[in-house]
């Protein structure tokens, strides 16, 4: 499950990807994150990163008390040299 925390930034990056002809590549990385762990007990919170066209994320898991708890973090980082996004943990 993917939870977008800053819709304005997300929309701007998606538009940037579309203009650059990289929307499919960007969407593939989003799909990877949205299905991470292959479980409804895992969610990825996508937030604006300081790096241009990039995101910071928290991966959380649902615990035995039905609370979301931090599991790990990383980034969906745009690399200007290649024009692609990659997932870093």
N, C-alpha and C. Protein backbone atom coordinates (compact mmCIF):
# COMPACT_ATOMS: atom_id res chain seq x y z
N UNK A 1 0.86 -1.16 0.00
CA UNK A 1 0.00 0.00 0.00
C UNK A 1 0.91 1.23 0.00
N UNK A 2 0.59 2.19 -0.85
CA UNK A 2 1.36 3.42 -0.97
C UNK A 2 0.52 4.58 -0.47
N UNK A 3 1.06 5.34 0.47
CA UNK A 3 0.37 6.50 1.01
C UNK A 3 1.20 7.74 0.65
N UNK A 4 0.63 8.61 -0.16
CA UNK A 4 1.32 9.82 -0.60
C UNK A 4 1.07 10.93 0.41
N UNK A 5 2.14 11.42 1.02
CA UNK A 5 2.03 12.42 2.08
C UNK A 5 2.02 13.86 1.55
N UNK A 6 2.57 14.08 0.38
CA UNK A 6 2.61 15.44 -0.20
C UNK A 6 2.14 15.35 -1.66
N UNK A 7 0.84 15.47 -1.84
CA UNK A 7 0.24 15.30 -3.17
C UNK A 7 0.78 16.32 -4.17
N UNK A 8 1.01 17.55 -3.72
CA UNK A 8 1.50 18.60 -4.61
C UNK A 8 2.88 18.23 -5.19
N UNK A 9 3.78 17.75 -4.34
CA UNK A 9 5.11 17.33 -4.81
C UNK A 9 4.98 16.10 -5.72
N UNK A 10 4.16 15.16 -5.33
CA UNK A 10 3.96 13.96 -6.14
C UNK A 10 3.46 14.33 -7.54
N UNK A 11 2.47 15.21 -7.61
CA UNK A 11 1.92 15.62 -8.91
C UNK A 11 2.97 16.32 -9.76
N UNK A 12 3.81 17.15 -9.12
CA UNK A 12 4.86 17.86 -9.86
C UNK A 12 5.90 16.88 -10.41
N UNK A 13 6.29 15.90 -9.62
CA UNK A 13 7.28 14.92 -10.08
C UNK A 13 6.69 14.04 -11.18
N UNK A 14 5.45 13.67 -11.03
CA UNK A 14 4.79 12.87 -12.07
C UNK A 14 4.73 13.64 -13.38
N UNK A 15 4.40 14.91 -13.31
CA UNK A 15 4.37 15.76 -14.51
C UNK A 15 5.77 15.88 -15.12
N UNK A 16 6.79 16.04 -14.27
CA UNK A 16 8.18 16.10 -14.73
C UNK A 16 8.53 14.81 -15.48
N UNK A 17 8.17 13.67 -14.91
CA UNK A 17 8.45 12.38 -15.54
C UNK A 17 7.75 12.27 -16.89
N UNK A 18 6.53 12.76 -16.95
CA UNK A 18 5.78 12.71 -18.21
C UNK A 18 6.46 13.57 -19.28
N UNK A 19 6.86 14.78 -18.91
CA UNK A 19 7.51 15.70 -19.85
C UNK A 19 8.83 15.11 -20.35
N UNK A 20 9.57 14.43 -19.48
CA UNK A 20 10.86 13.84 -19.84
C UNK A 20 10.72 12.50 -20.56
N UNK A 21 9.49 12.00 -20.72
CA UNK A 21 9.29 10.71 -21.37
C UNK A 21 9.69 9.54 -20.48
N UNK A 22 9.66 9.75 -19.16
CA UNK A 22 10.09 8.72 -18.20
C UNK A 22 8.96 8.28 -17.28
N UNK A 23 7.72 8.54 -17.66
CA UNK A 23 6.60 8.21 -16.80
C UNK A 23 6.53 6.70 -16.52
N UNK A 24 6.77 5.87 -17.51
CA UNK A 24 6.72 4.41 -17.30
C UNK A 24 7.78 3.98 -16.29
N UNK A 25 8.97 4.51 -16.40
CA UNK A 25 10.06 4.15 -15.49
C UNK A 25 9.73 4.60 -14.07
N UNK A 26 9.21 5.81 -13.92
CA UNK A 26 8.79 6.32 -12.62
C UNK A 26 7.67 5.46 -12.04
N UNK A 27 6.69 5.13 -12.86
CA UNK A 27 5.56 4.31 -12.40
C UNK A 27 6.01 2.91 -11.98
N UNK A 28 6.98 2.35 -12.66
CA UNK A 28 7.51 1.04 -12.27
C UNK A 28 8.08 1.07 -10.86
N UNK A 29 8.78 2.14 -10.51
CA UNK A 29 9.33 2.26 -9.15
C UNK A 29 8.21 2.44 -8.13
N UNK A 30 7.19 3.21 -8.48
CA UNK A 30 6.04 3.36 -7.58
C UNK A 30 5.33 2.03 -7.37
N UNK A 31 5.17 1.27 -8.44
CA UNK A 31 4.53 -0.05 -8.34
C UNK A 31 5.34 -0.97 -7.44
N UNK A 32 6.65 -0.94 -7.57
CA UNK A 32 7.52 -1.75 -6.72
C UNK A 32 7.29 -1.40 -5.25
N UNK A 33 7.28 -0.10 -4.94
CA UNK A 33 7.09 0.32 -3.55
C UNK A 33 5.69 -0.01 -3.05
N UNK A 34 4.69 0.16 -3.90
CA UNK A 34 3.31 -0.05 -3.45
C UNK A 34 3.01 -1.51 -3.12
N UNK A 35 3.79 -2.41 -3.68
CA UNK A 35 3.57 -3.84 -3.40
C UNK A 35 4.68 -4.42 -2.54
N UNK A 36 5.49 -3.58 -1.93
CA UNK A 36 6.61 -4.06 -1.12
C UNK A 36 6.09 -4.94 0.01
N UNK A 37 6.66 -6.09 0.17
CA UNK A 37 6.26 -7.02 1.21
C UNK A 37 5.06 -7.88 0.87
N UNK A 38 4.39 -7.58 -0.24
CA UNK A 38 3.24 -8.37 -0.70
C UNK A 38 2.24 -8.66 0.42
N UNK A 39 1.94 -7.64 1.22
CA UNK A 39 1.05 -7.85 2.36
C UNK A 39 0.25 -6.59 2.66
N UNK A 40 -0.98 -6.78 3.10
CA UNK A 40 -1.80 -5.64 3.53
C UNK A 40 -1.30 -5.08 4.86
N UNK A 41 -0.36 -5.79 5.48
CA UNK A 41 0.18 -5.34 6.76
C UNK A 41 1.44 -4.49 6.59
N UNK A 42 1.73 -4.12 5.34
CA UNK A 42 2.87 -3.27 5.03
C UNK A 42 2.36 -2.05 4.26
N UNK A 43 2.84 -0.87 4.67
CA UNK A 43 2.51 0.33 3.88
C UNK A 43 3.77 1.18 3.74
N UNK A 44 3.82 1.91 2.64
CA UNK A 44 4.93 2.80 2.33
C UNK A 44 4.38 4.23 2.31
N UNK A 45 4.95 5.07 3.18
CA UNK A 45 4.57 6.49 3.22
C UNK A 45 5.60 7.27 2.42
N UNK A 46 5.15 7.89 1.33
CA UNK A 46 6.01 8.62 0.40
C UNK A 46 5.95 10.10 0.74
N UNK A 47 7.13 10.70 1.01
CA UNK A 47 7.21 12.11 1.41
C UNK A 47 8.21 12.86 0.54
N UNK A 48 8.09 14.15 0.50
CA UNK A 48 9.00 14.99 -0.28
C UNK A 48 10.41 14.90 0.29
N UNK A 49 11.38 14.73 -0.59
CA UNK A 49 12.79 14.68 -0.22
C UNK A 49 13.44 16.02 -0.57
N UNK A 50 14.60 16.28 0.02
CA UNK A 50 15.32 17.52 -0.30
C UNK A 50 15.90 17.50 -1.71
N UNK A 51 16.16 16.31 -2.24
CA UNK A 51 16.72 16.18 -3.59
C UNK A 51 15.61 16.43 -4.63
N UNK A 52 15.96 17.13 -5.66
CA UNK A 52 15.00 17.50 -6.70
C UNK A 52 14.37 16.27 -7.35
N UNK A 53 13.04 16.30 -7.50
CA UNK A 53 12.26 15.24 -8.16
C UNK A 53 12.36 13.90 -7.43
N UNK A 54 12.62 13.93 -6.12
CA UNK A 54 12.86 12.72 -5.35
C UNK A 54 11.95 12.64 -4.14
N UNK A 55 11.89 11.45 -3.55
CA UNK A 55 11.05 11.19 -2.39
C UNK A 55 11.83 10.46 -1.30
N UNK A 56 11.43 10.69 -0.08
CA UNK A 56 11.87 9.95 1.08
C UNK A 56 10.71 9.04 1.45
N UNK A 57 10.97 7.83 1.93
CA UNK A 57 9.84 6.99 2.34
C UNK A 57 10.13 6.26 3.65
N UNK A 58 9.05 5.98 4.36
CA UNK A 58 9.04 5.10 5.54
C UNK A 58 8.26 3.86 5.14
N UNK A 59 8.79 2.71 5.48
CA UNK A 59 8.02 1.48 5.34
C UNK A 59 7.57 1.11 6.74
N UNK A 60 6.28 0.91 6.89
CA UNK A 60 5.69 0.59 8.18
C UNK A 60 4.97 -0.75 8.10
N UNK A 61 4.87 -1.41 9.24
CA UNK A 61 4.13 -2.67 9.30
C UNK A 61 3.07 -2.56 10.40
N UNK A 62 2.01 -3.29 10.19
CA UNK A 62 0.91 -3.32 11.15
C UNK A 62 1.27 -4.32 12.24
N UNK A 63 1.30 -3.85 13.50
CA UNK A 63 1.67 -4.76 14.58
C UNK A 63 0.45 -5.49 15.15
N UNK A 64 0.68 -6.29 16.16
CA UNK A 64 -0.39 -7.12 16.73
C UNK A 64 -1.48 -6.31 17.41
N UNK A 65 -1.23 -4.99 17.65
CA UNK A 65 -2.22 -4.12 18.26
C UNK A 65 -2.93 -3.24 17.23
N UNK A 66 -2.71 -3.54 15.95
CA UNK A 66 -3.26 -2.78 14.82
C UNK A 66 -2.74 -1.36 14.74
N UNK A 67 -1.49 -1.17 15.18
CA UNK A 67 -0.81 0.12 15.05
C UNK A 67 0.26 0.02 13.97
N UNK A 68 0.41 1.09 13.20
CA UNK A 68 1.46 1.14 12.21
C UNK A 68 2.76 1.51 12.90
N UNK A 69 3.80 0.69 12.74
CA UNK A 69 5.09 0.96 13.36
C UNK A 69 6.18 1.00 12.29
N UNK A 70 7.16 1.85 12.54
CA UNK A 70 8.28 2.01 11.62
C UNK A 70 9.01 0.69 11.44
N UNK A 71 9.35 0.38 10.18
CA UNK A 71 10.09 -0.83 9.88
C UNK A 71 11.44 -0.48 9.25
N UNK A 72 11.42 0.35 8.20
CA UNK A 72 12.65 0.79 7.54
C UNK A 72 12.36 2.02 6.70
N UNK A 73 13.40 2.66 6.20
CA UNK A 73 13.21 3.85 5.39
C UNK A 73 14.14 3.83 4.18
N UNK A 74 13.94 4.79 3.31
CA UNK A 74 14.78 4.89 2.12
C UNK A 74 14.36 6.06 1.26
N UNK A 75 14.78 6.01 0.01
CA UNK A 75 14.46 7.09 -0.91
C UNK A 75 14.15 6.57 -2.29
N UNK A 76 13.28 7.28 -2.97
CA UNK A 76 13.03 7.09 -4.40
C UNK A 76 13.72 8.29 -5.04
N UNK A 77 14.93 8.07 -5.51
CA UNK A 77 15.84 9.14 -5.87
C UNK A 77 15.94 9.29 -7.39
N UNK A 78 15.83 10.55 -7.83
CA UNK A 78 16.00 10.86 -9.25
C UNK A 78 17.47 11.18 -9.49
N UNK A 79 18.03 10.54 -10.50
CA UNK A 79 19.43 10.75 -10.87
C UNK A 79 19.48 11.53 -12.18
N UNK A 80 19.95 12.77 -12.10
CA UNK A 80 19.98 13.61 -13.30
C UNK A 80 20.88 13.04 -14.38
N UNK A 81 21.96 12.37 -13.98
CA UNK A 81 22.91 11.86 -14.99
C UNK A 81 22.27 10.82 -15.91
N UNK A 82 21.41 9.97 -15.36
CA UNK A 82 20.75 8.94 -16.18
C UNK A 82 19.32 9.29 -16.53
N UNK A 83 18.74 10.23 -15.77
CA UNK A 83 17.34 10.58 -16.00
C UNK A 83 16.37 9.54 -15.47
N UNK A 84 16.84 8.69 -14.56
CA UNK A 84 16.00 7.62 -14.01
C UNK A 84 15.87 7.76 -12.49
N UNK A 85 14.85 7.06 -11.97
CA UNK A 85 14.66 6.96 -10.52
C UNK A 85 15.15 5.60 -10.06
N UNK A 86 15.64 5.55 -8.83
CA UNK A 86 16.01 4.27 -8.23
C UNK A 86 15.60 4.29 -6.76
N UNK A 87 15.39 3.09 -6.24
CA UNK A 87 14.98 2.92 -4.83
C UNK A 87 16.23 2.61 -4.02
N UNK A 88 16.43 3.38 -2.95
CA UNK A 88 17.56 3.20 -2.05
C UNK A 88 17.03 2.95 -0.64
N UNK A 89 17.58 1.97 0.05
CA UNK A 89 17.22 1.72 1.45
C UNK A 89 18.46 1.74 2.31
